[in-house]
Amino acid sequence: MNIIFRIIIIGLIIFTIGLVYNLYNMIKIDAESRGFKHKKLISFLSVTAQNGSGLLLYLLARKKYDSQMTARQKKEFEHYKKLSLIFFVIQMALGLATIVYAYLYF
């Protein structure tokens, strides 16, 4: 494999991990504001499910609880939301670069 292709793949892996970490923190903040007892476990299970079923279950379960975010939690949530969007855009650009590179050189 070419060095450029390896760099793109490593970038994809790094930004995927960053996106998952930001999603974990957003779910943890939301679960905390809704009064869930085991917010870290719920967050971990939500982001590590293979096909998104954990996130879907969390979104269905949270409807029963009202969100009571403090100003600090809202600010922190918005911070992770912006970071997630940045990571997602970079990840999509790297994914597109991977497809183009693979199409042109393989």
N, C-alpha and C. Protein backbone atom coordinates (compact mmCIF):
# COMPACT_ATOMS: atom_id res chain seq x y z
N MET A 1 0.84 -1.19 0.00
CA MET A 1 0.00 0.00 0.00
C MET A 1 0.88 1.25 0.00
N ASN A 2 0.36 2.26 -0.58
CA ASN A 2 1.06 3.52 -0.66
C ASN A 2 0.98 4.26 0.68
N ILE A 3 1.96 5.09 0.96
CA ILE A 3 2.01 5.82 2.22
C ILE A 3 0.84 6.80 2.36
N ILE A 4 0.40 7.38 1.26
CA ILE A 4 -0.73 8.32 1.31
C ILE A 4 -1.99 7.59 1.74
N PHE A 5 -2.20 6.41 1.20
CA PHE A 5 -3.38 5.62 1.56
C PHE A 5 -3.35 5.25 3.03
N ARG A 6 -2.18 4.90 3.54
CA ARG A 6 -2.04 4.56 4.97
C ARG A 6 -2.34 5.77 5.85
N ILE A 7 -1.87 6.93 5.46
CA ILE A 7 -2.13 8.15 6.24
C ILE A 7 -3.63 8.45 6.27
N ILE A 8 -4.30 8.27 5.14
CA ILE A 8 -5.75 8.52 5.09
C ILE A 8 -6.48 7.54 6.00
N ILE A 9 -6.09 6.27 5.97
CA ILE A 9 -6.74 5.26 6.81
C ILE A 9 -6.49 5.54 8.29
N ILE A 10 -5.28 5.92 8.65
CA ILE A 10 -4.98 6.27 10.05
C ILE A 10 -5.80 7.48 10.48
N GLY A 11 -5.94 8.47 9.60
CA GLY A 11 -6.78 9.62 9.90
C GLY A 11 -8.22 9.23 10.12
N LEU A 12 -8.73 8.32 9.30
CA LEU A 12 -10.11 7.84 9.47
C LEU A 12 -10.29 7.17 10.82
N ILE A 13 -9.32 6.36 11.22
CA ILE A 13 -9.41 5.68 12.51
C ILE A 13 -9.39 6.68 13.65
N ILE A 14 -8.49 7.65 13.59
CA ILE A 14 -8.38 8.66 14.65
C ILE A 14 -9.66 9.47 14.77
N PHE A 15 -10.21 9.91 13.65
CA PHE A 15 -11.41 10.74 13.71
C PHE A 15 -12.65 9.92 14.06
N THR A 16 -12.65 8.64 13.77
CA THR A 16 -13.75 7.78 14.20
C THR A 16 -13.73 7.63 15.72
N ILE A 17 -12.56 7.42 16.28
CA ILE A 17 -12.44 7.32 17.73
C ILE A 17 -12.86 8.64 18.39
N GLY A 18 -12.45 9.75 17.82
CA GLY A 18 -12.85 11.06 18.35
C GLY A 18 -14.35 11.28 18.30
N LEU A 19 -14.97 10.86 17.21
CA LEU A 19 -16.42 11.00 17.07
C LEU A 19 -17.15 10.14 18.10
N VAL A 20 -16.69 8.92 18.31
CA VAL A 20 -17.31 8.04 19.30
C VAL A 20 -17.13 8.61 20.71
N TYR A 21 -15.96 9.16 21.00
CA TYR A 21 -15.71 9.76 22.32
C TYR A 21 -16.64 10.95 22.56
N ASN A 22 -16.82 11.80 21.56
CA ASN A 22 -17.70 12.95 21.72
C ASN A 22 -19.15 12.52 21.88
N LEU A 23 -19.56 11.51 21.15
CA LEU A 23 -20.92 10.98 21.28
C LEU A 23 -21.13 10.39 22.67
N TYR A 24 -20.13 9.69 23.17
CA TYR A 24 -20.19 9.14 24.53
C TYR A 24 -20.42 10.25 25.56
N ASN A 25 -19.66 11.32 25.44
CA ASN A 25 -19.81 12.43 26.38
C ASN A 25 -21.16 13.13 26.26
N MET A 26 -21.67 13.26 25.04
CA MET A 26 -22.98 13.88 24.86
C MET A 26 -24.08 13.03 25.50
N ILE A 27 -24.01 11.73 25.33
CA ILE A 27 -25.00 10.85 25.93
C ILE A 27 -24.88 10.86 27.45
N LYS A 28 -23.65 10.90 27.95
CA LYS A 28 -23.44 10.94 29.40
C LYS A 28 -24.04 12.21 30.01
N ILE A 29 -23.84 13.34 29.37
CA ILE A 29 -24.41 14.60 29.85
C ILE A 29 -25.93 14.55 29.81
N ASP A 30 -26.49 14.03 28.73
CA ASP A 30 -27.94 13.94 28.60
C ASP A 30 -28.52 12.99 29.64
N ALA A 31 -27.87 11.85 29.85
CA ALA A 31 -28.35 10.88 30.84
C ALA A 31 -28.28 11.47 32.25
N GLU A 32 -27.24 12.23 32.51
CA GLU A 32 -27.10 12.87 33.82
C GLU A 32 -28.22 13.89 34.04
N SER A 33 -28.54 14.65 33.01
CA SER A 33 -29.58 15.67 33.15
C SER A 33 -30.98 15.05 33.28
N ARG A 34 -31.14 13.84 32.81
CA ARG A 34 -32.43 13.16 32.90
C ARG A 34 -32.54 12.29 34.15
N GLY A 35 -31.48 12.16 34.92
CA GLY A 35 -31.54 11.45 36.18
C GLY A 35 -31.31 9.94 36.09
N PHE A 36 -30.65 9.48 35.06
CA PHE A 36 -30.32 8.06 34.99
C PHE A 36 -29.30 7.72 36.06
N LYS A 37 -29.41 6.54 36.63
CA LYS A 37 -28.51 6.16 37.71
C LYS A 37 -27.11 5.80 37.21
N HIS A 38 -27.02 5.04 36.15
CA HIS A 38 -25.74 4.55 35.65
C HIS A 38 -25.42 5.20 34.31
N LYS A 39 -25.15 6.50 34.37
CA LYS A 39 -24.98 7.27 33.13
C LYS A 39 -23.75 6.85 32.32
N LYS A 40 -22.66 6.48 32.98
CA LYS A 40 -21.46 6.06 32.25
C LYS A 40 -21.67 4.72 31.56
N LEU A 41 -22.33 3.80 32.23
CA LEU A 41 -22.61 2.50 31.63
C LEU A 41 -23.57 2.63 30.45
N ILE A 42 -24.59 3.44 30.63
CA ILE A 42 -25.56 3.66 29.55
C ILE A 42 -24.87 4.30 28.35
N SER A 43 -24.01 5.26 28.60
CA SER A 43 -23.28 5.92 27.52
C SER A 43 -22.37 4.94 26.79
N PHE A 44 -21.67 4.13 27.55
CA PHE A 44 -20.76 3.15 26.95
C PHE A 44 -21.52 2.15 26.09
N LEU A 45 -22.61 1.62 26.62
CA LEU A 45 -23.40 0.65 25.87
C LEU A 45 -24.04 1.27 24.63
N SER A 46 -24.38 2.54 24.71
CA SER A 46 -25.02 3.21 23.58
C SER A 46 -24.07 3.38 22.41
N VAL A 47 -22.82 3.69 22.67
CA VAL A 47 -21.89 3.94 21.57
C VAL A 47 -21.15 2.71 21.10
N THR A 48 -21.16 1.62 21.87
CA THR A 48 -20.40 0.45 21.47
C THR A 48 -21.24 -0.64 20.83
N ALA A 49 -22.54 -0.47 20.74
CA ALA A 49 -23.37 -1.48 20.09
C ALA A 49 -23.01 -1.54 18.61
N GLN A 50 -23.01 -2.73 18.06
CA GLN A 50 -22.54 -2.95 16.70
C GLN A 50 -23.33 -2.21 15.63
N ASN A 51 -24.64 -2.25 15.71
CA ASN A 51 -25.45 -1.70 14.63
C ASN A 51 -26.27 -0.49 15.06
N GLY A 52 -25.89 0.15 16.14
CA GLY A 52 -26.62 1.33 16.60
C GLY A 52 -27.82 1.01 17.46
N SER A 53 -27.99 -0.24 17.82
CA SER A 53 -29.16 -0.62 18.61
C SER A 53 -29.09 -0.04 20.03
N GLY A 54 -27.89 0.11 20.57
CA GLY A 54 -27.75 0.69 21.91
C GLY A 54 -28.19 2.14 21.93
N LEU A 55 -27.82 2.88 20.91
CA LEU A 55 -28.23 4.28 20.81
C LEU A 55 -29.73 4.38 20.62
N LEU A 56 -30.29 3.50 19.81
CA LEU A 56 -31.73 3.49 19.59
C LEU A 56 -32.47 3.18 20.90
N LEU A 57 -31.99 2.22 21.65
CA LEU A 57 -32.62 1.88 22.93
C LEU A 57 -32.53 3.05 23.91
N TYR A 58 -31.40 3.73 23.93
CA TYR A 58 -31.26 4.88 24.81
C TYR A 58 -32.24 5.98 24.42
N LEU A 59 -32.34 6.25 23.12
CA LEU A 59 -33.25 7.30 22.67
C LEU A 59 -34.71 6.96 22.99
N LEU A 60 -35.07 5.69 22.94
CA LEU A 60 -36.42 5.29 23.31
C LEU A 60 -36.64 5.37 24.83
N ALA A 61 -35.64 4.98 25.61
CA ALA A 61 -35.76 4.97 27.07
C ALA A 61 -35.76 6.37 27.66
N ARG A 62 -35.11 7.31 27.03
CA ARG A 62 -35.00 8.64 27.61
C ARG A 62 -36.28 9.45 27.49
N LYS A 63 -37.22 9.00 26.67
CA LYS A 63 -38.48 9.73 26.52
C LYS A 63 -39.27 9.78 27.83
N LYS A 64 -39.03 8.82 28.71
CA LYS A 64 -39.76 8.76 29.97
C LYS A 64 -39.30 9.82 30.97
N TYR A 65 -38.15 10.38 30.75
CA TYR A 65 -37.56 11.33 31.70
C TYR A 65 -37.45 12.71 31.07
N ASP A 66 -37.75 13.72 31.87
CA ASP A 66 -37.59 15.11 31.40
C ASP A 66 -36.15 15.56 31.60
N SER A 67 -35.66 16.30 30.64
CA SER A 67 -34.31 16.83 30.73
C SER A 67 -34.31 18.10 31.56
N GLN A 68 -33.39 18.17 32.49
CA GLN A 68 -33.24 19.35 33.34
C GLN A 68 -31.77 19.75 33.33
N MET A 69 -31.30 20.15 32.17
CA MET A 69 -29.89 20.53 32.01
C MET A 69 -29.63 21.87 32.67
N THR A 70 -28.51 21.93 33.36
CA THR A 70 -28.08 23.19 33.92
C THR A 70 -27.37 23.99 32.82
N ALA A 71 -27.06 25.22 33.11
CA ALA A 71 -26.36 26.06 32.11
C ALA A 71 -24.99 25.48 31.78
N ARG A 72 -24.31 24.94 32.80
CA ARG A 72 -23.00 24.33 32.57
C ARG A 72 -23.12 23.10 31.68
N GLN A 73 -24.13 22.28 31.93
CA GLN A 73 -24.34 21.09 31.11
C GLN A 73 -24.68 21.45 29.66
N LYS A 74 -25.51 22.49 29.49
CA LYS A 74 -25.86 22.92 28.14
C LYS A 74 -24.63 23.40 27.38
N LYS A 75 -23.79 24.17 28.07
CA LYS A 75 -22.58 24.68 27.44
C LYS A 75 -21.64 23.53 27.05
N GLU A 76 -21.48 22.58 27.96
CA GLU A 76 -20.62 21.43 27.69
C GLU A 76 -21.20 20.56 26.57
N PHE A 77 -22.52 20.38 26.56
CA PHE A 77 -23.19 19.61 25.52
C PHE A 77 -22.99 20.26 24.16
N GLU A 78 -23.15 21.58 24.09
CA GLU A 78 -22.95 22.29 22.82
C GLU A 78 -21.50 22.20 22.35
N HIS A 79 -20.57 22.21 23.29
CA HIS A 79 -19.15 22.06 22.95
C HIS A 79 -18.91 20.71 22.27
N TYR A 80 -19.40 19.63 22.88
CA TYR A 80 -19.23 18.30 22.30
C TYR A 80 -20.00 18.16 20.99
N LYS A 81 -21.11 18.84 20.88
CA LYS A 81 -21.89 18.80 19.65
C LYS A 81 -21.11 19.42 18.49
N LYS A 82 -20.48 20.57 18.75
CA LYS A 82 -19.67 21.21 17.71
C LYS A 82 -18.46 20.36 17.34
N LEU A 83 -17.80 19.80 18.35
CA LEU A 83 -16.66 18.93 18.08
C LEU A 83 -17.08 17.72 17.25
N SER A 84 -18.23 17.14 17.58
CA SER A 84 -18.72 15.98 16.83
C SER A 84 -18.98 16.34 15.38
N LEU A 85 -19.54 17.50 15.15
CA LEU A 85 -19.80 17.92 13.78
C LEU A 85 -18.50 18.11 13.01
N ILE A 86 -17.51 18.70 13.64
CA ILE A 86 -16.20 18.89 13.00
C ILE A 86 -15.56 17.54 12.68
N PHE A 87 -15.58 16.62 13.67
CA PHE A 87 -15.01 15.30 13.45
C PHE A 87 -15.75 14.57 12.33
N PHE A 88 -17.07 14.71 12.29
CA PHE A 88 -17.87 14.04 11.26
C PHE A 88 -17.53 14.57 9.87
N VAL A 89 -17.42 15.88 9.74
CA VAL A 89 -17.10 16.47 8.43
C VAL A 89 -15.71 16.02 7.96
N ILE A 90 -14.74 16.03 8.86
CA ILE A 90 -13.39 15.59 8.50
C ILE A 90 -13.39 14.11 8.14
N GLN A 91 -14.15 13.33 8.90
CA GLN A 91 -14.23 11.90 8.62
C GLN A 91 -14.85 11.64 7.24
N MET A 92 -15.88 12.39 6.90
CA MET A 92 -16.50 12.21 5.59
C MET A 92 -15.55 12.63 4.46
N ALA A 93 -14.79 13.70 4.69
CA ALA A 93 -13.81 14.13 3.69
C ALA A 93 -12.72 13.07 3.50
N LEU A 94 -12.26 12.50 4.60
CA LEU A 94 -11.25 11.44 4.50
C LEU A 94 -11.82 10.20 3.83
N GLY A 95 -13.07 9.89 4.13
CA GLY A 95 -13.72 8.76 3.48
C GLY A 95 -13.83 8.96 1.98
N LEU A 96 -14.19 10.15 1.59
CA LEU A 96 -14.27 10.47 0.16
C LEU A 96 -12.89 10.41 -0.49
N ALA A 97 -11.89 10.91 0.23
CA ALA A 97 -10.51 10.84 -0.29
C ALA A 97 -10.07 9.38 -0.45
N THR A 98 -10.48 8.53 0.46
CA THR A 98 -10.15 7.11 0.36
C THR A 98 -10.77 6.49 -0.88
N ILE A 99 -12.04 6.80 -1.12
CA ILE A 99 -12.74 6.25 -2.28
C ILE A 99 -12.08 6.75 -3.58
N VAL A 100 -11.81 8.04 -3.65
CA VAL A 100 -11.20 8.59 -4.86
C VAL A 100 -9.81 8.00 -5.07
N TYR A 101 -9.03 7.95 -4.01
CA TYR A 101 -7.67 7.42 -4.12
C TYR A 101 -7.69 5.95 -4.56
N ALA A 102 -8.58 5.16 -3.93
CA ALA A 102 -8.67 3.74 -4.29
C ALA A 102 -9.13 3.58 -5.73
N TYR A 103 -10.03 4.42 -6.17
CA TYR A 103 -10.53 4.33 -7.55
C TYR A 103 -9.44 4.69 -8.56
N LEU A 104 -8.62 5.67 -8.22
CA LEU A 104 -7.60 6.12 -9.17
C LEU A 104 -6.36 5.24 -9.20
N TYR A 105 -5.98 4.67 -8.05
CA TYR A 105 -4.68 4.00 -7.97
C TYR A 105 -4.73 2.50 -7.74
N PHE A 106 -5.91 1.92 -7.55
CA PHE A 106 -5.96 0.47 -7.33
C PHE A 106 -6.72 -0.23 -8.40
